[in-house]
């Protein structure tokens, strides 16, 4: 019984998210620059922020959409009628709570709205 417990403990430590994983990670995102936006770009264009996150619980279950596309869509929600963003800046945040019991990784975007 003791050996079985050790084996199961090793499997849980070695294979994070081994029970369920449905996550999206950012790979790349090409955003328009001020030059790409051309004459439509104005210094007074609204700046919006968006966020998308992945979550992992106990290293066994992982879920969420932490990709750039989801973060941009979240940012565009605060600008009804907007076509896209330009001059986009991105960042990541990472939260690891109590020895990996809960982990959250988020993609943050900030950009100007192109109407």
N, C-alpha and C. Protein backbone atom coordinates (compact mmCIF):
# COMPACT_ATOMS: atom_id res chain seq x y z
N UNK A 1 0.82 -1.19 0.00
CA UNK A 1 0.00 0.00 0.00
C UNK A 1 0.87 1.26 0.00
N UNK A 2 1.95 1.25 0.76
CA UNK A 2 2.85 2.38 0.84
C UNK A 2 3.51 2.66 -0.51
N UNK A 3 3.89 1.59 -1.22
CA UNK A 3 4.52 1.76 -2.53
C UNK A 3 3.52 2.32 -3.55
N UNK A 4 2.29 1.89 -3.46
CA UNK A 4 1.26 2.40 -4.36
C UNK A 4 1.04 3.90 -4.14
N UNK A 5 1.03 4.33 -2.89
CA UNK A 5 0.88 5.74 -2.58
C UNK A 5 2.06 6.55 -3.13
N UNK A 6 3.25 6.03 -2.98
CA UNK A 6 4.44 6.71 -3.51
C UNK A 6 4.37 6.82 -5.03
N UNK A 7 3.94 5.76 -5.69
CA UNK A 7 3.84 5.76 -7.14
C UNK A 7 2.80 6.77 -7.61
N UNK A 8 1.64 6.79 -6.97
CA UNK A 8 0.61 7.75 -7.34
C UNK A 8 1.06 9.18 -7.07
N UNK A 9 1.76 9.42 -5.99
CA UNK A 9 2.29 10.75 -5.70
C UNK A 9 3.27 11.19 -6.76
N UNK A 10 4.12 10.29 -7.20
CA UNK A 10 5.09 10.61 -8.25
C UNK A 10 4.39 10.95 -9.56
N UNK A 11 3.36 10.19 -9.92
CA UNK A 11 2.62 10.44 -11.16
C UNK A 11 1.97 11.82 -11.11
N UNK A 12 1.37 12.18 -9.98
CA UNK A 12 0.70 13.47 -9.84
C UNK A 12 1.72 14.61 -9.95
N UNK A 13 2.90 14.44 -9.40
CA UNK A 13 3.92 15.49 -9.47
C UNK A 13 4.55 15.61 -10.85
N UNK A 14 4.69 14.51 -11.55
CA UNK A 14 5.38 14.50 -12.84
C UNK A 14 4.45 14.90 -13.98
N UNK A 15 3.19 14.62 -13.88
CA UNK A 15 2.25 14.88 -14.98
C UNK A 15 1.21 15.92 -14.61
N UNK A 16 1.59 17.21 -14.55
CA UNK A 16 0.59 18.25 -14.25
C UNK A 16 -0.52 18.25 -15.30
N UNK A 17 -1.71 18.53 -14.86
CA UNK A 17 -2.90 18.57 -15.71
C UNK A 17 -3.12 17.24 -16.42
N UNK A 18 -2.82 16.15 -15.73
CA UNK A 18 -2.96 14.85 -16.37
C UNK A 18 -4.41 14.37 -16.42
N UNK A 19 -5.29 14.95 -15.64
CA UNK A 19 -6.69 14.52 -15.69
C UNK A 19 -7.48 15.27 -16.74
N UNK A 20 -7.26 16.58 -16.84
CA UNK A 20 -8.02 17.38 -17.79
C UNK A 20 -7.24 18.65 -18.11
N UNK A 21 -7.06 18.94 -19.37
CA UNK A 21 -6.40 20.18 -19.80
C UNK A 21 -7.08 20.71 -21.05
N UNK A 22 -7.61 21.90 -20.94
CA UNK A 22 -8.23 22.58 -22.08
C UNK A 22 -7.86 24.05 -21.98
N UNK A 23 -6.65 24.39 -22.45
CA UNK A 23 -6.14 25.74 -22.33
C UNK A 23 -5.65 26.25 -23.68
N UNK A 24 -5.62 27.56 -23.81
CA UNK A 24 -5.05 28.21 -24.98
C UNK A 24 -3.95 29.14 -24.51
N UNK A 25 -2.77 28.99 -25.05
CA UNK A 25 -1.62 29.81 -24.70
C UNK A 25 -1.34 30.78 -25.84
N UNK A 26 -0.82 31.95 -25.53
CA UNK A 26 -0.46 32.88 -26.60
C UNK A 26 0.79 32.39 -27.33
N UNK A 27 0.74 32.39 -28.64
CA UNK A 27 1.91 32.05 -29.44
C UNK A 27 2.45 33.30 -30.11
N UNK A 28 1.64 33.93 -30.90
CA UNK A 28 2.04 35.19 -31.51
C UNK A 28 0.79 35.97 -31.89
N UNK A 29 0.97 37.26 -32.00
CA UNK A 29 -0.15 38.11 -32.37
C UNK A 29 0.44 39.30 -33.10
N UNK A 30 -0.04 39.55 -34.30
CA UNK A 30 0.44 40.70 -35.05
C UNK A 30 -0.60 41.80 -34.94
N UNK A 31 -0.19 42.92 -34.37
CA UNK A 31 -1.09 44.05 -34.21
C UNK A 31 -0.66 45.17 -35.15
N UNK A 32 -1.63 45.95 -35.56
CA UNK A 32 -1.33 47.11 -36.39
C UNK A 32 -0.53 48.13 -35.60
N UNK A 33 0.39 48.79 -36.29
CA UNK A 33 1.12 49.90 -35.69
C UNK A 33 0.39 51.19 -36.04
N UNK A 34 0.86 52.28 -35.49
CA UNK A 34 0.27 53.58 -35.83
C UNK A 34 0.39 53.84 -37.32
N UNK A 35 1.51 53.44 -37.91
CA UNK A 35 1.70 53.60 -39.35
C UNK A 35 0.73 52.77 -40.17
N UNK A 36 0.44 51.55 -39.71
CA UNK A 36 -0.53 50.69 -40.40
C UNK A 36 -1.93 51.28 -40.36
N UNK A 37 -2.26 51.93 -39.25
CA UNK A 37 -3.59 52.52 -39.11
C UNK A 37 -3.76 53.73 -40.02
N UNK A 38 -2.65 54.35 -40.42
CA UNK A 38 -2.68 55.46 -41.37
C UNK A 38 -3.41 56.68 -40.84
N UNK A 39 -4.18 57.30 -41.73
CA UNK A 39 -4.87 58.54 -41.37
C UNK A 39 -6.01 58.30 -40.38
N UNK A 40 -6.44 57.06 -40.24
CA UNK A 40 -7.51 56.75 -39.29
C UNK A 40 -7.04 56.88 -37.85
N UNK A 41 -5.72 56.80 -37.62
CA UNK A 41 -5.17 56.89 -36.27
C UNK A 41 -5.16 58.34 -35.80
N UNK A 42 -5.63 58.54 -34.58
CA UNK A 42 -5.65 59.88 -34.00
C UNK A 42 -5.05 59.80 -32.60
N UNK A 43 -4.43 60.87 -32.18
CA UNK A 43 -3.83 60.92 -30.84
C UNK A 43 -4.90 60.82 -29.76
N UNK A 44 -6.15 61.12 -30.12
CA UNK A 44 -7.23 61.10 -29.13
C UNK A 44 -7.97 59.76 -29.09
N UNK A 45 -7.50 58.76 -29.86
CA UNK A 45 -8.17 57.46 -29.86
C UNK A 45 -8.18 56.86 -28.45
N UNK A 46 -9.29 56.25 -28.12
CA UNK A 46 -9.48 55.66 -26.79
C UNK A 46 -8.50 54.49 -26.58
N UNK A 47 -7.92 54.40 -25.39
CA UNK A 47 -7.05 53.29 -25.00
C UNK A 47 -7.88 52.32 -24.17
N UNK A 48 -7.85 51.04 -24.56
CA UNK A 48 -8.62 50.02 -23.85
C UNK A 48 -7.69 48.91 -23.37
N UNK A 49 -8.13 48.18 -22.37
CA UNK A 49 -7.36 47.08 -21.81
C UNK A 49 -8.21 45.82 -21.79
N UNK A 50 -7.56 44.68 -21.99
CA UNK A 50 -8.25 43.40 -21.93
C UNK A 50 -7.38 42.34 -21.27
N UNK A 51 -8.03 41.26 -20.85
CA UNK A 51 -7.32 40.21 -20.13
C UNK A 51 -7.95 38.86 -20.47
N UNK A 52 -7.12 37.84 -20.55
CA UNK A 52 -7.60 36.46 -20.70
C UNK A 52 -6.69 35.57 -19.86
N UNK A 53 -7.26 34.53 -19.25
CA UNK A 53 -6.50 33.75 -18.28
C UNK A 53 -6.67 32.24 -18.45
N UNK A 54 -5.63 31.52 -18.04
CA UNK A 54 -5.65 30.07 -17.87
C UNK A 54 -5.58 29.78 -16.38
N UNK A 55 -6.20 28.69 -15.95
CA UNK A 55 -6.22 28.32 -14.53
C UNK A 55 -5.84 26.85 -14.40
N UNK A 56 -5.16 26.51 -13.31
CA UNK A 56 -4.84 25.11 -13.02
C UNK A 56 -5.08 24.86 -11.53
N UNK A 57 -5.74 23.75 -11.23
CA UNK A 57 -6.07 23.41 -9.85
C UNK A 57 -5.41 22.08 -9.50
N UNK A 58 -4.61 22.09 -8.46
CA UNK A 58 -3.92 20.91 -7.94
C UNK A 58 -3.02 20.22 -8.97
N UNK A 59 -2.70 20.90 -10.04
CA UNK A 59 -1.88 20.29 -11.08
C UNK A 59 -2.60 19.18 -11.83
N UNK A 60 -3.91 19.07 -11.63
CA UNK A 60 -4.67 17.99 -12.24
C UNK A 60 -5.66 18.48 -13.29
N UNK A 61 -6.22 19.65 -13.08
CA UNK A 61 -7.24 20.17 -13.98
C UNK A 61 -6.80 21.56 -14.45
N UNK A 62 -6.74 21.73 -15.76
CA UNK A 62 -6.35 23.03 -16.33
C UNK A 62 -7.42 23.46 -17.33
N UNK A 63 -7.77 24.73 -17.30
CA UNK A 63 -8.80 25.24 -18.20
C UNK A 63 -8.60 26.73 -18.42
N UNK A 64 -9.18 27.25 -19.49
CA UNK A 64 -9.17 28.68 -19.77
C UNK A 64 -8.62 29.00 -21.13
N UNK A 65 -8.84 30.23 -21.56
CA UNK A 65 -8.32 30.73 -22.82
C UNK A 65 -7.44 31.93 -22.50
N UNK A 66 -6.16 31.70 -22.40
CA UNK A 66 -5.22 32.76 -22.06
C UNK A 66 -4.52 33.33 -23.28
N UNK A 67 -5.13 33.22 -24.44
CA UNK A 67 -4.50 33.66 -25.68
C UNK A 67 -4.69 35.15 -25.96
N UNK A 68 -3.90 35.64 -26.91
CA UNK A 68 -3.98 37.05 -27.31
C UNK A 68 -5.35 37.38 -27.88
N UNK A 69 -5.89 36.49 -28.70
CA UNK A 69 -7.16 36.76 -29.35
C UNK A 69 -8.26 37.01 -28.31
N UNK A 70 -8.32 36.19 -27.29
CA UNK A 70 -9.33 36.36 -26.24
C UNK A 70 -9.12 37.66 -25.48
N UNK A 71 -7.86 38.03 -25.23
CA UNK A 71 -7.57 39.29 -24.52
C UNK A 71 -7.97 40.50 -25.37
N UNK A 72 -7.71 40.44 -26.68
CA UNK A 72 -8.10 41.54 -27.57
C UNK A 72 -9.62 41.65 -27.64
N UNK A 73 -10.32 40.52 -27.75
CA UNK A 73 -11.78 40.56 -27.76
C UNK A 73 -12.33 41.16 -26.46
N UNK A 74 -11.69 40.84 -25.33
CA UNK A 74 -12.11 41.40 -24.05
C UNK A 74 -11.90 42.92 -24.05
N UNK A 75 -10.80 43.38 -24.60
CA UNK A 75 -10.53 44.82 -24.67
C UNK A 75 -11.55 45.52 -25.57
N UNK A 76 -11.90 44.91 -26.69
CA UNK A 76 -12.83 45.52 -27.63
C UNK A 76 -14.26 45.61 -27.09
N UNK A 77 -14.58 44.81 -26.05
CA UNK A 77 -15.91 44.88 -25.45
C UNK A 77 -16.20 46.27 -24.88
N UNK A 78 -15.15 46.97 -24.44
CA UNK A 78 -15.35 48.29 -23.85
C UNK A 78 -15.37 49.40 -24.91
N UNK A 79 -15.31 49.02 -26.19
CA UNK A 79 -15.34 50.00 -27.27
C UNK A 79 -16.31 49.53 -28.35
N UNK A 80 -17.62 49.68 -28.13
CA UNK A 80 -18.61 49.22 -29.11
C UNK A 80 -18.39 49.88 -30.48
N UNK A 81 -18.48 49.09 -31.53
CA UNK A 81 -18.30 49.60 -32.88
C UNK A 81 -16.87 49.65 -33.36
N UNK A 82 -15.94 49.28 -32.51
CA UNK A 82 -14.52 49.32 -32.89
C UNK A 82 -14.20 48.20 -33.87
N UNK A 83 -13.35 48.50 -34.85
CA UNK A 83 -12.93 47.50 -35.83
C UNK A 83 -11.80 46.64 -35.29
N UNK A 84 -10.82 47.28 -34.70
CA UNK A 84 -9.65 46.55 -34.20
C UNK A 84 -8.85 47.47 -33.29
N UNK A 85 -7.72 46.95 -32.84
CA UNK A 85 -6.79 47.72 -32.01
C UNK A 85 -5.52 47.98 -32.81
N UNK A 86 -4.84 49.06 -32.47
CA UNK A 86 -3.50 49.29 -33.01
C UNK A 86 -2.62 49.77 -31.87
N UNK A 87 -1.34 49.77 -32.10
CA UNK A 87 -0.36 50.16 -31.07
C UNK A 87 -0.58 49.34 -29.79
N UNK A 88 -0.65 48.01 -29.97
CA UNK A 88 -0.97 47.10 -28.87
C UNK A 88 0.29 46.75 -28.07
N UNK A 89 0.15 46.78 -26.76
CA UNK A 89 1.21 46.36 -25.85
C UNK A 89 0.69 45.16 -25.07
N UNK A 90 1.54 44.18 -24.83
CA UNK A 90 1.10 42.99 -24.10
C UNK A 90 1.98 42.75 -22.88
N UNK A 91 1.42 42.03 -21.93
CA UNK A 91 2.16 41.63 -20.74
C UNK A 91 1.54 40.33 -20.23
N UNK A 92 2.25 39.64 -19.37
CA UNK A 92 1.76 38.42 -18.74
C UNK A 92 1.78 38.60 -17.24
N UNK A 93 0.83 37.98 -16.57
CA UNK A 93 0.87 37.93 -15.11
C UNK A 93 0.76 36.46 -14.70
N UNK A 94 1.37 36.13 -13.58
CA UNK A 94 1.41 34.75 -13.12
C UNK A 94 1.15 34.73 -11.63
N UNK A 95 0.20 33.87 -11.20
CA UNK A 95 -0.11 33.71 -9.79
C UNK A 95 0.03 32.23 -9.43
N UNK A 96 0.85 31.94 -8.45
CA UNK A 96 1.02 30.57 -7.97
C UNK A 96 0.69 30.60 -6.48
N UNK A 97 -0.48 30.08 -6.11
CA UNK A 97 -0.95 30.16 -4.74
C UNK A 97 -0.72 28.86 -3.98
N UNK A 98 -0.10 28.96 -2.85
CA UNK A 98 0.10 27.87 -1.89
C UNK A 98 0.64 26.60 -2.57
N UNK A 99 1.88 26.65 -2.96
CA UNK A 99 2.60 25.49 -3.50
C UNK A 99 1.92 24.84 -4.71
N UNK A 100 1.32 25.65 -5.55
CA UNK A 100 0.74 25.12 -6.77
C UNK A 100 -0.66 24.55 -6.64
N UNK A 101 -1.32 24.79 -5.52
CA UNK A 101 -2.70 24.32 -5.38
C UNK A 101 -3.57 25.02 -6.43
N UNK A 102 -3.31 26.31 -6.64
CA UNK A 102 -4.02 27.06 -7.67
C UNK A 102 -3.00 27.90 -8.44
N UNK A 103 -3.04 27.81 -9.76
CA UNK A 103 -2.13 28.59 -10.61
C UNK A 103 -2.97 29.33 -11.65
N UNK A 104 -2.65 30.60 -11.86
CA UNK A 104 -3.34 31.41 -12.86
C UNK A 104 -2.29 32.15 -13.69
N UNK A 105 -2.41 32.05 -15.02
CA UNK A 105 -1.52 32.77 -15.93
C UNK A 105 -2.40 33.58 -16.88
N UNK A 106 -2.18 34.89 -16.90
CA UNK A 106 -3.04 35.78 -17.70
C UNK A 106 -2.23 36.53 -18.74
N UNK A 107 -2.87 36.79 -19.87
CA UNK A 107 -2.33 37.64 -20.92
C UNK A 107 -3.08 38.97 -20.85
N UNK A 108 -2.33 40.06 -20.74
CA UNK A 108 -2.91 41.39 -20.63
C UNK A 108 -2.56 42.17 -21.90
N UNK A 109 -3.53 42.86 -22.48
CA UNK A 109 -3.27 43.69 -23.66
C UNK A 109 -3.79 45.11 -23.40
N UNK A 110 -3.15 46.05 -24.03
CA UNK A 110 -3.57 47.45 -23.99
C UNK A 110 -3.31 48.04 -25.37
N UNK A 111 -4.30 48.67 -25.93
CA UNK A 111 -4.11 49.25 -27.26
C UNK A 111 -5.09 50.36 -27.54
N UNK A 112 -4.86 51.05 -28.65
CA UNK A 112 -5.73 52.13 -29.09
C UNK A 112 -6.80 51.57 -30.02
N UNK A 113 -7.99 52.11 -29.91
CA UNK A 113 -9.13 51.63 -30.68
C UNK A 113 -9.12 52.27 -32.07
N UNK A 114 -9.28 51.43 -33.10
CA UNK A 114 -9.41 51.90 -34.47
C UNK A 114 -10.88 51.83 -34.84
N UNK A 115 -11.49 52.99 -35.08
CA UNK A 115 -12.93 53.05 -35.39
C UNK A 115 -13.18 52.83 -36.87
